[in-house]
Amino acid sequence: MISFMPMATKDRILQAALRQFNQLGTDQTTVRSISEEVGISHGNLCYHYKNTDELIKALYLQLVGRITPHAEGAFQQNLSLEDVWEQSWSTFTLMYEYRFLLLDFARIIRRIDSMRQNFRQLMVLRRHQFQHGIQQLVANGWMLPEPLTGQYDHLITHLLVIGNHWITESTIQSEEEEEEEERIRYYHRAMVSLLFPYLTERGKQSYERLLAEKA
């Protein structure tokens, strides 16, 4: 017989916090509202997380931990355009799962300095991963050599800006009834399309095939 371990209290708290932060935002969600949903006392929740800022930070680190394996895919040998497509799609899907973070991120990191410092270090790492990924794509014949010194550094900046802010844009521009997957797909393609002008003929053929297959 298969036995199922009950979800740990801290996991239940984070699950409820994520749902409420996504639905209500960080201003309306409280420790008390989360404790009521989980079915524990206010004091019991505060034993694990003293306030909502601690919950926000825990969810941020959880998201970073889940995205890291996809980001580290840039270091795999024989990196292909399809690998980049799949890794970035998985990342976009995860980011939408924790969308409150991106919607409220500027205010959050002004308030939680440790998150601000962590994020700045993370962006240095992500830039390094993007640089290595592009080098791999060039070496493997998917992308052209850098056409102008510094051009790929600017490309990485564009990719990071879209990656960090697409959820805010989608929330403003998208209709309420639009399916979540369609919203994610649109902005994922907007980001990946930045690579197209720099692809080799082989890369462009692969890109067009992926567009058709993932429609």
N, C-alpha and C. Protein backbone atom coordinates (compact mmCIF):
# COMPACT_ATOMS: atom_id res chain seq x y z
N MET A 1 0.85 -1.20 0.00
CA MET A 1 0.00 0.00 0.00
C MET A 1 0.89 1.25 0.00
N ILE A 2 0.53 2.20 -0.83
CA ILE A 2 1.28 3.46 -0.89
C ILE A 2 0.78 4.39 0.20
N SER A 3 1.68 4.87 1.01
CA SER A 3 1.30 5.83 2.06
C SER A 3 1.78 7.22 1.66
N PHE A 4 1.00 8.21 2.01
CA PHE A 4 1.31 9.60 1.67
C PHE A 4 1.61 10.37 2.94
N MET A 5 2.77 11.00 2.97
CA MET A 5 3.13 11.82 4.12
C MET A 5 2.35 13.12 4.07
N PRO A 6 1.79 13.56 5.18
CA PRO A 6 1.08 14.85 5.18
C PRO A 6 2.05 15.99 4.87
N MET A 7 1.55 17.01 4.20
CA MET A 7 2.39 18.16 3.87
C MET A 7 2.82 18.86 5.14
N ALA A 8 4.11 19.18 5.23
CA ALA A 8 4.64 19.86 6.40
C ALA A 8 3.97 21.22 6.57
N THR A 9 3.88 21.66 7.81
CA THR A 9 3.20 22.92 8.10
C THR A 9 3.82 24.09 7.33
N LYS A 10 5.15 24.14 7.28
CA LYS A 10 5.81 25.24 6.57
C LYS A 10 5.45 25.23 5.09
N ASP A 11 5.34 24.04 4.51
CA ASP A 11 4.96 23.94 3.09
C ASP A 11 3.52 24.39 2.89
N ARG A 12 2.65 24.02 3.80
CA ARG A 12 1.25 24.45 3.71
C ARG A 12 1.15 25.96 3.83
N ILE A 13 1.94 26.53 4.71
CA ILE A 13 1.94 27.99 4.88
C ILE A 13 2.39 28.68 3.59
N LEU A 14 3.48 28.20 3.00
CA LEU A 14 3.99 28.81 1.77
C LEU A 14 3.00 28.64 0.62
N GLN A 15 2.35 27.50 0.55
CA GLN A 15 1.36 27.27 -0.50
C GLN A 15 0.20 28.26 -0.38
N ALA A 16 -0.29 28.45 0.83
CA ALA A 16 -1.39 29.39 1.05
C ALA A 16 -0.92 30.83 0.80
N ALA A 17 0.29 31.14 1.24
CA ALA A 17 0.82 32.49 1.04
C ALA A 17 0.96 32.80 -0.44
N LEU A 18 1.45 31.84 -1.21
CA LEU A 18 1.60 32.05 -2.65
C LEU A 18 0.25 32.31 -3.29
N ARG A 19 -0.75 31.53 -2.93
CA ARG A 19 -2.08 31.72 -3.52
C ARG A 19 -2.62 33.10 -3.18
N GLN A 20 -2.49 33.51 -1.92
CA GLN A 20 -3.05 34.80 -1.52
C GLN A 20 -2.27 35.97 -2.09
N PHE A 21 -0.95 35.87 -2.12
CA PHE A 21 -0.15 36.94 -2.71
C PHE A 21 -0.50 37.12 -4.19
N ASN A 22 -0.68 36.02 -4.90
CA ASN A 22 -1.04 36.10 -6.32
C ASN A 22 -2.43 36.69 -6.51
N GLN A 23 -3.36 36.33 -5.65
CA GLN A 23 -4.74 36.77 -5.82
C GLN A 23 -4.98 38.17 -5.26
N LEU A 24 -4.40 38.47 -4.10
CA LEU A 24 -4.70 39.71 -3.40
C LEU A 24 -3.59 40.74 -3.47
N GLY A 25 -2.37 40.30 -3.75
CA GLY A 25 -1.22 41.20 -3.73
C GLY A 25 -0.58 41.23 -2.36
N THR A 26 0.58 41.84 -2.27
CA THR A 26 1.32 41.85 -1.01
C THR A 26 0.76 42.84 0.00
N ASP A 27 -0.04 43.81 -0.45
CA ASP A 27 -0.61 44.79 0.48
C ASP A 27 -1.80 44.22 1.26
N GLN A 28 -2.61 43.42 0.60
CA GLN A 28 -3.85 42.92 1.22
C GLN A 28 -3.67 41.62 1.98
N THR A 29 -2.64 40.86 1.64
CA THR A 29 -2.41 39.58 2.32
C THR A 29 -1.76 39.82 3.68
N THR A 30 -2.24 39.13 4.69
CA THR A 30 -1.71 39.28 6.04
C THR A 30 -1.36 37.91 6.62
N VAL A 31 -0.54 37.95 7.66
CA VAL A 31 -0.21 36.71 8.37
C VAL A 31 -1.49 36.06 8.91
N ARG A 32 -2.41 36.88 9.38
CA ARG A 32 -3.65 36.34 9.93
C ARG A 32 -4.50 35.67 8.85
N SER A 33 -4.60 36.29 7.67
CA SER A 33 -5.42 35.68 6.61
C SER A 33 -4.81 34.36 6.14
N ILE A 34 -3.49 34.28 6.13
CA ILE A 34 -2.82 33.04 5.73
C ILE A 34 -3.02 31.96 6.79
N SER A 35 -2.89 32.33 8.06
CA SER A 35 -3.07 31.35 9.14
C SER A 35 -4.49 30.81 9.14
N GLU A 36 -5.48 31.65 8.82
CA GLU A 36 -6.87 31.19 8.76
C GLU A 36 -7.06 30.18 7.64
N GLU A 37 -6.43 30.43 6.48
CA GLU A 37 -6.55 29.48 5.37
C GLU A 37 -5.88 28.15 5.69
N VAL A 38 -4.72 28.21 6.33
CA VAL A 38 -4.00 26.98 6.66
C VAL A 38 -4.69 26.23 7.79
N GLY A 39 -5.42 26.96 8.64
CA GLY A 39 -6.11 26.32 9.76
C GLY A 39 -5.23 26.18 10.99
N ILE A 40 -4.33 27.15 11.17
CA ILE A 40 -3.48 27.16 12.36
C ILE A 40 -3.62 28.52 13.03
N SER A 41 -3.10 28.62 14.25
CA SER A 41 -3.19 29.89 14.97
C SER A 41 -2.21 30.91 14.40
N HIS A 42 -2.51 32.16 14.65
CA HIS A 42 -1.62 33.25 14.25
C HIS A 42 -0.24 33.05 14.86
N GLY A 43 -0.19 32.66 16.13
CA GLY A 43 1.08 32.46 16.81
C GLY A 43 1.87 31.30 16.23
N ASN A 44 1.16 30.25 15.83
CA ASN A 44 1.83 29.09 15.23
C ASN A 44 2.50 29.48 13.92
N LEU A 45 1.80 30.27 13.09
CA LEU A 45 2.39 30.70 11.83
C LEU A 45 3.61 31.58 12.09
N CYS A 46 3.49 32.48 13.05
CA CYS A 46 4.60 33.40 13.35
C CYS A 46 5.80 32.66 13.92
N TYR A 47 5.59 31.47 14.45
CA TYR A 47 6.71 30.65 14.90
C TYR A 47 7.60 30.26 13.72
N HIS A 48 6.96 30.04 12.57
CA HIS A 48 7.69 29.66 11.36
C HIS A 48 8.14 30.88 10.56
N TYR A 49 7.25 31.86 10.42
CA TYR A 49 7.53 33.08 9.64
C TYR A 49 6.97 34.27 10.42
N LYS A 50 7.86 35.16 10.82
CA LYS A 50 7.45 36.24 11.72
C LYS A 50 6.48 37.22 11.07
N ASN A 51 6.62 37.42 9.77
CA ASN A 51 5.77 38.41 9.09
C ASN A 51 5.70 38.07 7.59
N THR A 52 4.95 38.87 6.85
CA THR A 52 4.78 38.59 5.42
C THR A 52 6.07 38.79 4.65
N ASP A 53 6.95 39.68 5.11
CA ASP A 53 8.23 39.85 4.42
C ASP A 53 9.05 38.56 4.44
N GLU A 54 9.02 37.84 5.55
CA GLU A 54 9.73 36.57 5.62
C GLU A 54 9.10 35.55 4.67
N LEU A 55 7.80 35.59 4.53
CA LEU A 55 7.11 34.69 3.59
C LEU A 55 7.47 35.04 2.15
N ILE A 56 7.50 36.32 1.86
CA ILE A 56 7.87 36.77 0.51
C ILE A 56 9.28 36.32 0.17
N LYS A 57 10.21 36.51 1.10
CA LYS A 57 11.59 36.12 0.86
C LYS A 57 11.70 34.60 0.67
N ALA A 58 10.98 33.83 1.47
CA ALA A 58 11.01 32.38 1.34
C ALA A 58 10.49 31.93 -0.02
N LEU A 59 9.43 32.57 -0.50
CA LEU A 59 8.88 32.22 -1.81
C LEU A 59 9.82 32.65 -2.93
N TYR A 60 10.46 33.79 -2.77
CA TYR A 60 11.45 34.24 -3.76
C TYR A 60 12.59 33.23 -3.88
N LEU A 61 13.12 32.78 -2.74
CA LEU A 61 14.21 31.80 -2.77
C LEU A 61 13.74 30.46 -3.32
N GLN A 62 12.50 30.13 -3.05
CA GLN A 62 11.93 28.91 -3.60
C GLN A 62 11.87 28.98 -5.12
N LEU A 63 11.42 30.12 -5.64
CA LEU A 63 11.37 30.30 -7.09
C LEU A 63 12.76 30.25 -7.70
N VAL A 64 13.72 30.93 -7.11
CA VAL A 64 15.09 30.92 -7.62
C VAL A 64 15.62 29.49 -7.67
N GLY A 65 15.34 28.73 -6.61
CA GLY A 65 15.80 27.35 -6.58
C GLY A 65 15.18 26.49 -7.66
N ARG A 66 13.92 26.75 -8.00
CA ARG A 66 13.25 25.96 -9.04
C ARG A 66 13.70 26.36 -10.44
N ILE A 67 14.06 27.63 -10.62
CA ILE A 67 14.51 28.10 -11.93
C ILE A 67 15.96 27.71 -12.21
N THR A 68 16.77 27.62 -11.16
CA THR A 68 18.22 27.40 -11.33
C THR A 68 18.58 26.25 -12.26
N PRO A 69 17.96 25.07 -12.15
CA PRO A 69 18.34 23.98 -13.08
C PRO A 69 18.13 24.34 -14.55
N HIS A 70 17.10 25.12 -14.85
CA HIS A 70 16.84 25.53 -16.24
C HIS A 70 17.89 26.54 -16.69
N ALA A 71 18.23 27.48 -15.81
CA ALA A 71 19.24 28.48 -16.15
C ALA A 71 20.60 27.84 -16.36
N GLU A 72 20.90 26.82 -15.58
CA GLU A 72 22.20 26.15 -15.71
C GLU A 72 22.30 25.31 -16.97
N GLY A 73 21.18 25.15 -17.67
CA GLY A 73 21.20 24.45 -18.94
C GLY A 73 22.08 25.12 -19.97
N ALA A 74 22.38 26.41 -19.75
CA ALA A 74 23.27 27.13 -20.67
C ALA A 74 24.66 26.53 -20.71
N PHE A 75 25.01 25.76 -19.69
CA PHE A 75 26.35 25.18 -19.62
C PHE A 75 26.43 23.77 -20.20
N GLN A 76 25.28 23.24 -20.67
CA GLN A 76 25.31 21.89 -21.22
C GLN A 76 26.04 21.87 -22.57
N GLN A 77 26.67 20.75 -22.86
CA GLN A 77 27.34 20.60 -24.14
C GLN A 77 26.30 20.42 -25.24
N ASN A 78 26.68 20.82 -26.44
CA ASN A 78 25.80 20.69 -27.61
C ASN A 78 24.47 21.42 -27.41
N LEU A 79 24.52 22.57 -26.77
CA LEU A 79 23.32 23.38 -26.57
C LEU A 79 22.71 23.73 -27.92
N SER A 80 21.41 23.52 -28.06
CA SER A 80 20.71 23.81 -29.31
C SER A 80 19.67 24.90 -29.09
N LEU A 81 19.13 25.41 -30.19
CA LEU A 81 18.08 26.41 -30.09
C LEU A 81 16.84 25.82 -29.42
N GLU A 82 16.57 24.55 -29.68
CA GLU A 82 15.42 23.90 -29.03
C GLU A 82 15.62 23.81 -27.52
N ASP A 83 16.85 23.56 -27.09
CA ASP A 83 17.13 23.55 -25.65
C ASP A 83 16.82 24.91 -25.03
N VAL A 84 17.26 25.97 -25.70
CA VAL A 84 17.00 27.32 -25.21
C VAL A 84 15.50 27.59 -25.14
N TRP A 85 14.79 27.17 -26.17
CA TRP A 85 13.34 27.35 -26.23
C TRP A 85 12.67 26.68 -25.03
N GLU A 86 13.01 25.40 -24.79
CA GLU A 86 12.37 24.63 -23.72
C GLU A 86 12.75 25.16 -22.34
N GLN A 87 14.02 25.51 -22.17
CA GLN A 87 14.46 26.03 -20.87
C GLN A 87 13.79 27.36 -20.55
N SER A 88 13.69 28.23 -21.54
CA SER A 88 13.06 29.53 -21.31
C SER A 88 11.56 29.39 -21.09
N TRP A 89 10.92 28.44 -21.78
CA TRP A 89 9.49 28.19 -21.57
C TRP A 89 9.24 27.72 -20.14
N SER A 90 10.05 26.79 -19.66
CA SER A 90 9.91 26.31 -18.29
C SER A 90 10.10 27.45 -17.29
N THR A 91 11.05 28.34 -17.57
CA THR A 91 11.30 29.47 -16.69
C THR A 91 10.11 30.43 -16.68
N PHE A 92 9.57 30.73 -17.84
CA PHE A 92 8.41 31.63 -17.91
C PHE A 92 7.22 31.03 -17.15
N THR A 93 7.02 29.73 -17.29
CA THR A 93 5.90 29.07 -16.61
C THR A 93 6.06 29.17 -15.10
N LEU A 94 7.27 28.95 -14.61
CA LEU A 94 7.53 29.06 -13.17
C LEU A 94 7.34 30.49 -12.69
N MET A 95 7.81 31.45 -13.47
CA MET A 95 7.67 32.85 -13.07
C MET A 95 6.20 33.24 -12.95
N TYR A 96 5.37 32.72 -13.83
CA TYR A 96 3.95 33.05 -13.75
C TYR A 96 3.32 32.43 -12.51
N GLU A 97 3.84 31.29 -12.09
CA GLU A 97 3.33 30.63 -10.89
C GLU A 97 3.58 31.51 -9.66
N TYR A 98 4.65 32.31 -9.68
CA TYR A 98 5.00 33.20 -8.58
C TYR A 98 4.84 34.66 -9.03
N ARG A 99 3.84 34.94 -9.80
CA ARG A 99 3.74 36.22 -10.51
C ARG A 99 3.68 37.44 -9.59
N PHE A 100 3.19 37.28 -8.36
CA PHE A 100 3.12 38.43 -7.46
C PHE A 100 4.50 39.06 -7.25
N LEU A 101 5.54 38.22 -7.26
CA LEU A 101 6.88 38.73 -7.04
C LEU A 101 7.29 39.74 -8.10
N LEU A 102 6.99 39.42 -9.36
CA LEU A 102 7.37 40.31 -10.44
C LEU A 102 6.48 41.54 -10.50
N LEU A 103 5.22 41.37 -10.12
CA LEU A 103 4.29 42.51 -10.13
C LEU A 103 4.67 43.55 -9.07
N ASP A 104 5.13 43.10 -7.92
CA ASP A 104 5.41 44.00 -6.80
C ASP A 104 6.91 44.11 -6.51
N PHE A 105 7.76 43.68 -7.45
CA PHE A 105 9.16 43.48 -7.11
C PHE A 105 9.88 44.77 -6.71
N ALA A 106 9.62 45.86 -7.41
CA ALA A 106 10.33 47.11 -7.10
C ALA A 106 10.07 47.55 -5.66
N ARG A 107 8.81 47.47 -5.24
CA ARG A 107 8.48 47.86 -3.86
C ARG A 107 9.04 46.87 -2.85
N ILE A 108 9.02 45.57 -3.23
CA ILE A 108 9.50 44.55 -2.32
C ILE A 108 10.98 44.73 -2.02
N ILE A 109 11.79 44.94 -3.07
CA ILE A 109 13.23 45.00 -2.82
C ILE A 109 13.65 46.33 -2.20
N ARG A 110 12.82 47.35 -2.29
CA ARG A 110 13.10 48.58 -1.55
C ARG A 110 12.93 48.34 -0.05
N ARG A 111 12.03 47.43 0.27
CA ARG A 111 11.72 47.15 1.67
C ARG A 111 12.61 46.05 2.26
N ILE A 112 12.93 45.04 1.44
CA ILE A 112 13.70 43.89 1.93
C ILE A 112 15.08 43.94 1.30
N ASP A 113 16.02 44.53 2.00
CA ASP A 113 17.34 44.78 1.42
C ASP A 113 18.07 43.48 1.09
N SER A 114 17.90 42.43 1.88
CA SER A 114 18.59 41.17 1.61
C SER A 114 18.15 40.58 0.28
N MET A 115 16.88 40.78 -0.08
CA MET A 115 16.40 40.31 -1.38
C MET A 115 17.00 41.15 -2.50
N ARG A 116 17.12 42.43 -2.26
CA ARG A 116 17.72 43.32 -3.27
C ARG A 116 19.16 42.89 -3.56
N GLN A 117 19.92 42.62 -2.51
CA GLN A 117 21.31 42.21 -2.69
C GLN A 117 21.39 40.86 -3.39
N ASN A 118 20.51 39.95 -3.00
CA ASN A 118 20.50 38.63 -3.63
C ASN A 118 20.16 38.73 -5.10
N PHE A 119 19.19 39.57 -5.43
CA PHE A 119 18.76 39.70 -6.82
C PHE A 119 19.86 40.31 -7.68
N ARG A 120 20.56 41.28 -7.16
CA ARG A 120 21.66 41.89 -7.92
C ARG A 120 22.75 40.87 -8.21
N GLN A 121 23.07 40.04 -7.23
CA GLN A 121 24.06 38.98 -7.44
C GLN A 121 23.53 37.95 -8.44
N LEU A 122 22.23 37.67 -8.34
CA LEU A 122 21.63 36.70 -9.25
C LEU A 122 21.69 37.18 -10.69
N MET A 123 21.48 38.48 -10.92
CA MET A 123 21.52 39.01 -12.28
C MET A 123 22.93 38.96 -12.87
N VAL A 124 23.95 39.10 -12.02
CA VAL A 124 25.33 38.93 -12.49
C VAL A 124 25.52 37.48 -12.96
N LEU A 125 25.02 36.54 -12.18
CA LEU A 125 25.11 35.13 -12.55
C LEU A 125 24.33 34.85 -13.82
N ARG A 126 23.11 35.38 -13.92
CA ARG A 126 22.28 35.14 -15.11
C ARG A 126 22.97 35.71 -16.36
N ARG A 127 23.57 36.87 -16.24
CA ARG A 127 24.26 37.45 -17.39
C ARG A 127 25.41 36.54 -17.83
N HIS A 128 26.13 35.99 -16.87
CA HIS A 128 27.21 35.06 -17.19
C HIS A 128 26.65 33.81 -17.88
N GLN A 129 25.52 33.31 -17.40
CA GLN A 129 24.90 32.13 -18.01
C GLN A 129 24.43 32.44 -19.44
N PHE A 130 23.86 33.61 -19.64
CA PHE A 130 23.43 34.00 -20.99
C PHE A 130 24.63 34.12 -21.92
N GLN A 131 25.71 34.71 -21.42
CA GLN A 131 26.92 34.86 -22.25
C GLN A 131 27.43 33.49 -22.68
N HIS A 132 27.48 32.57 -21.74
CA HIS A 132 27.97 31.23 -22.06
C HIS A 132 27.03 30.54 -23.03
N GLY A 133 25.72 30.71 -22.84
CA GLY A 133 24.75 30.10 -23.74
C GLY A 133 24.90 30.60 -25.17
N ILE A 134 25.08 31.90 -25.32
CA ILE A 134 25.26 32.46 -26.66
C ILE A 134 26.56 31.94 -27.28
N GLN A 135 27.61 31.86 -26.50
CA GLN A 135 28.86 31.31 -27.02
C GLN A 135 28.67 29.88 -27.51
N GLN A 136 27.89 29.11 -26.78
CA GLN A 136 27.61 27.73 -27.18
C GLN A 136 26.81 27.69 -28.47
N LEU A 137 25.81 28.56 -28.59
CA LEU A 137 24.98 28.59 -29.79
C LEU A 137 25.80 28.99 -31.01
N VAL A 138 26.73 29.91 -30.81
CA VAL A 138 27.62 30.31 -31.91
C VAL A 138 28.53 29.14 -32.29
N ALA A 139 29.13 28.52 -31.29
CA ALA A 139 30.05 27.41 -31.55
C ALA A 139 29.36 26.23 -32.22
N ASN A 140 28.08 26.03 -31.91
CA ASN A 140 27.33 24.90 -32.45
C ASN A 140 26.60 25.22 -33.74
N GLY A 141 26.81 26.43 -34.26
CA GLY A 141 26.26 26.77 -35.57
C GLY A 141 24.84 27.27 -35.59
N TRP A 142 24.29 27.64 -34.43
CA TRP A 142 22.90 28.14 -34.39
C TRP A 142 22.83 29.67 -34.48
N MET A 143 23.88 30.34 -33.98
CA MET A 143 23.92 31.80 -34.01
C MET A 143 25.16 32.27 -34.73
N LEU A 144 25.07 33.47 -35.28
CA LEU A 144 26.21 34.09 -35.97
C LEU A 144 27.20 34.62 -34.95
N PRO A 145 28.45 34.75 -35.34
CA PRO A 145 29.41 35.44 -34.47
C PRO A 145 28.92 36.86 -34.20
N GLU A 146 29.33 37.44 -33.10
CA GLU A 146 28.88 38.78 -32.73
C GLU A 146 29.17 39.76 -33.86
N PRO A 147 28.13 40.43 -34.39
CA PRO A 147 28.33 41.30 -35.55
C PRO A 147 29.05 42.60 -35.21
N LEU A 148 28.98 43.02 -33.97
CA LEU A 148 29.59 44.28 -33.53
C LEU A 148 29.99 44.11 -32.07
N THR A 149 31.16 44.55 -31.71
CA THR A 149 31.63 44.40 -30.33
C THR A 149 30.62 44.99 -29.35
N GLY A 150 30.21 44.20 -28.40
CA GLY A 150 29.25 44.64 -27.39
C GLY A 150 27.81 44.39 -27.75
N GLN A 151 27.54 43.96 -28.99
CA GLN A 151 26.15 43.77 -29.42
C GLN A 151 25.44 42.67 -28.62
N TYR A 152 26.14 41.59 -28.36
CA TYR A 152 25.51 40.50 -27.62
C TYR A 152 25.32 40.86 -26.14
N ASP A 153 26.13 41.74 -25.62
CA ASP A 153 25.91 42.22 -24.26
C ASP A 153 24.61 43.02 -24.20
N HIS A 154 24.36 43.83 -25.23
CA HIS A 154 23.08 44.57 -25.30
C HIS A 154 21.91 43.59 -25.46
N LEU A 155 22.11 42.56 -26.26
CA LEU A 155 21.06 41.56 -26.45
C LEU A 155 20.70 40.90 -25.12
N ILE A 156 21.70 40.57 -24.34
CA ILE A 156 21.45 39.96 -23.03
C ILE A 156 20.67 40.91 -22.13
N THR A 157 21.01 42.20 -22.18
CA THR A 157 20.26 43.18 -21.40
C THR A 157 18.79 43.19 -21.81
N HIS A 158 18.53 43.16 -23.12
CA HIS A 158 17.15 43.12 -23.60
C HIS A 158 16.43 41.87 -23.10
N LEU A 159 17.11 40.73 -23.15
CA LEU A 159 16.52 39.47 -22.70
C LEU A 159 16.19 39.53 -21.20
N LEU A 160 17.08 40.10 -20.42
CA LEU A 160 16.85 40.20 -18.98
C LEU A 160 15.72 41.17 -18.65
N VAL A 161 15.65 42.27 -19.38
CA VAL A 161 14.58 43.24 -19.14
C VAL A 161 13.22 42.60 -19.41
N ILE A 162 13.09 41.92 -20.54
CA ILE A 162 11.82 41.26 -20.83
C ILE A 162 11.54 40.17 -19.81
N GLY A 163 12.56 39.36 -19.50
CA GLY A 163 12.37 38.28 -18.55
C GLY A 163 11.91 38.76 -17.19
N ASN A 164 12.41 39.89 -16.74
CA ASN A 164 12.09 40.40 -15.41
C ASN A 164 10.78 41.20 -15.36
N HIS A 165 10.29 41.67 -16.51
CA HIS A 165 9.16 42.61 -16.48
C HIS A 165 7.96 42.20 -17.34
N TRP A 166 8.01 41.04 -17.98
CA TRP A 166 6.92 40.67 -18.88
C TRP A 166 5.59 40.46 -18.17
N ILE A 167 5.63 40.02 -16.92
CA ILE A 167 4.38 39.77 -16.22
C ILE A 167 3.65 41.08 -15.92
N THR A 168 4.39 42.13 -15.57
CA THR A 168 3.75 43.43 -15.36
C THR A 168 3.08 43.90 -16.65
N GLU A 169 3.81 43.80 -17.76
CA GLU A 169 3.25 44.20 -19.05
C GLU A 169 2.04 43.38 -19.41
N SER A 170 2.09 42.07 -19.19
CA SER A 170 0.97 41.20 -19.56
C SER A 170 -0.25 41.49 -18.70
N THR A 171 -0.03 41.84 -17.44
CA THR A 171 -1.15 42.14 -16.55
C THR A 171 -1.87 43.41 -17.01
N ILE A 172 -1.11 44.39 -17.50
CA ILE A 172 -1.70 45.64 -17.96
C ILE A 172 -2.41 45.45 -19.30
N GLN A 173 -1.79 44.71 -20.21
CA GLN A 173 -2.27 44.64 -21.59
C GLN A 173 -3.28 43.53 -21.87
N SER A 174 -3.22 42.45 -21.12
CA SER A 174 -4.03 41.27 -21.45
C SER A 174 -5.43 41.38 -20.90
N GLU A 175 -6.36 40.73 -21.59
CA GLU A 175 -7.74 40.68 -21.14
C GLU A 175 -7.87 39.67 -20.00
N GLU A 176 -8.80 39.92 -19.09
CA GLU A 176 -8.97 39.06 -17.92
C GLU A 176 -9.29 37.62 -18.31
N GLU A 177 -10.09 37.44 -19.37
CA GLU A 177 -10.53 36.10 -19.74
C GLU A 177 -9.49 35.34 -20.55
N GLU A 178 -8.40 35.98 -20.91
CA GLU A 178 -7.38 35.31 -21.70
C GLU A 178 -6.76 34.18 -20.89
N GLU A 179 -6.58 33.03 -21.52
CA GLU A 179 -6.01 31.88 -20.84
C GLU A 179 -4.56 32.16 -20.44
N GLU A 180 -4.20 31.62 -19.29
CA GLU A 180 -2.86 31.87 -18.77
C GLU A 180 -1.78 31.36 -19.72
N GLU A 181 -1.99 30.17 -20.29
CA GLU A 181 -0.98 29.60 -21.17
C GLU A 181 -0.77 30.45 -22.41
N GLU A 182 -1.86 31.02 -22.92
CA GLU A 182 -1.74 31.89 -24.09
C GLU A 182 -0.95 33.15 -23.74
N ARG A 183 -1.17 33.67 -22.56
CA ARG A 183 -0.45 34.86 -22.10
C ARG A 183 1.04 34.56 -21.98
N ILE A 184 1.35 33.43 -21.37
CA ILE A 184 2.75 33.04 -21.21
C ILE A 184 3.39 32.82 -22.58
N ARG A 185 2.67 32.14 -23.46
CA ARG A 185 3.22 31.82 -24.79
C ARG A 185 3.55 33.10 -25.56
N TYR A 186 2.68 34.09 -25.52
CA TYR A 186 2.88 35.32 -26.28
C TYR A 186 4.18 36.01 -25.85
N TYR A 187 4.36 36.17 -24.54
CA TYR A 187 5.54 36.90 -24.07
C TYR A 187 6.80 36.05 -24.14
N HIS A 188 6.66 34.75 -24.02
CA HIS A 188 7.82 33.88 -24.22
C HIS A 188 8.34 34.03 -25.64
N ARG A 189 7.44 34.03 -26.60
CA ARG A 189 7.86 34.18 -28.00
C ARG A 189 8.42 35.57 -28.27
N ALA A 190 7.88 36.57 -27.59
CA ALA A 190 8.41 37.93 -27.76
C ALA A 190 9.87 37.98 -27.32
N MET A 191 10.20 37.25 -26.27
CA MET A 191 11.59 37.25 -25.80
C MET A 191 12.48 36.43 -26.74
N VAL A 192 12.05 35.21 -27.08
CA VAL A 192 12.88 34.34 -27.91
C VAL A 192 13.10 34.97 -29.29
N SER A 193 12.13 35.74 -29.77
CA SER A 193 12.24 36.36 -31.10
C SER A 193 13.41 37.33 -31.19
N LEU A 194 13.90 37.81 -30.04
CA LEU A 194 15.05 38.71 -30.05
C LEU A 194 16.29 38.03 -30.62
N LEU A 195 16.33 36.70 -30.57
CA LEU A 195 17.47 35.96 -31.10
C LEU A 195 17.45 35.88 -32.63
N PHE A 196 16.27 35.99 -33.23
CA PHE A 196 16.11 35.66 -34.65
C PHE A 196 17.07 36.40 -35.58
N PRO A 197 17.26 37.73 -35.43
CA PRO A 197 18.17 38.42 -36.36
C PRO A 197 19.62 37.92 -36.30
N TYR A 198 19.97 37.22 -35.24
CA TYR A 198 21.35 36.77 -35.06
C TYR A 198 21.53 35.28 -35.36
N LEU A 199 20.48 34.64 -35.85
CA LEU A 199 20.56 33.21 -36.13
C LEU A 199 21.18 32.95 -37.50
N THR A 200 21.87 31.83 -37.60
CA THR A 200 22.34 31.36 -38.90
C THR A 200 21.15 30.82 -39.68
N GLU A 201 21.36 30.45 -40.93
CA GLU A 201 20.27 29.86 -41.72
C GLU A 201 19.75 28.59 -41.04
N ARG A 202 20.68 27.81 -40.52
CA ARG A 202 20.28 26.60 -39.80
C ARG A 202 19.45 26.97 -38.57
N GLY A 203 19.89 28.02 -37.87
CA GLY A 203 19.16 28.47 -36.69
C GLY A 203 17.77 28.98 -37.04
N LYS A 204 17.66 29.71 -38.14
CA LYS A 204 16.34 30.24 -38.54
C LYS A 204 15.39 29.12 -38.92
N GLN A 205 15.90 28.09 -39.57
CA GLN A 205 15.06 26.93 -39.92
C GLN A 205 14.56 26.24 -38.65
N SER A 206 15.45 26.10 -37.67
CA SER A 206 15.05 25.50 -36.39
C SER A 206 14.02 26.35 -35.68
N TYR A 207 14.21 27.67 -35.70
CA TYR A 207 13.28 28.59 -35.06
C TYR A 207 11.90 28.49 -35.69
N GLU A 208 11.84 28.49 -37.00
CA GLU A 208 10.57 28.41 -37.70
C GLU A 208 9.87 27.07 -37.44
N ARG A 209 10.66 26.01 -37.34
CA ARG A 209 10.08 24.69 -37.00
C ARG A 209 9.49 24.72 -35.59
N LEU A 210 10.20 25.32 -34.66
CA LEU A 210 9.70 25.40 -33.29
C LEU A 210 8.42 26.23 -33.20
N LEU A 211 8.36 27.32 -33.97
CA LEU A 211 7.14 28.12 -34.01
C LEU A 211 5.95 27.30 -34.46
N ALA A 212 6.16 26.49 -35.50
CA ALA A 212 5.08 25.66 -36.04
C ALA A 212 4.68 24.56 -35.07
N GLU A 213 5.67 23.93 -34.47
CA GLU A 213 5.39 22.81 -33.56
C GLU A 213 4.75 23.24 -32.27
N LYS A 214 5.09 24.42 -31.78
CA LYS A 214 4.61 24.88 -30.47
C LYS A 214 3.37 25.77 -30.59
N ALA A 215 2.82 25.85 -31.80
CA ALA A 215 1.65 26.72 -32.00
C ALA A 215 0.45 26.22 -31.16
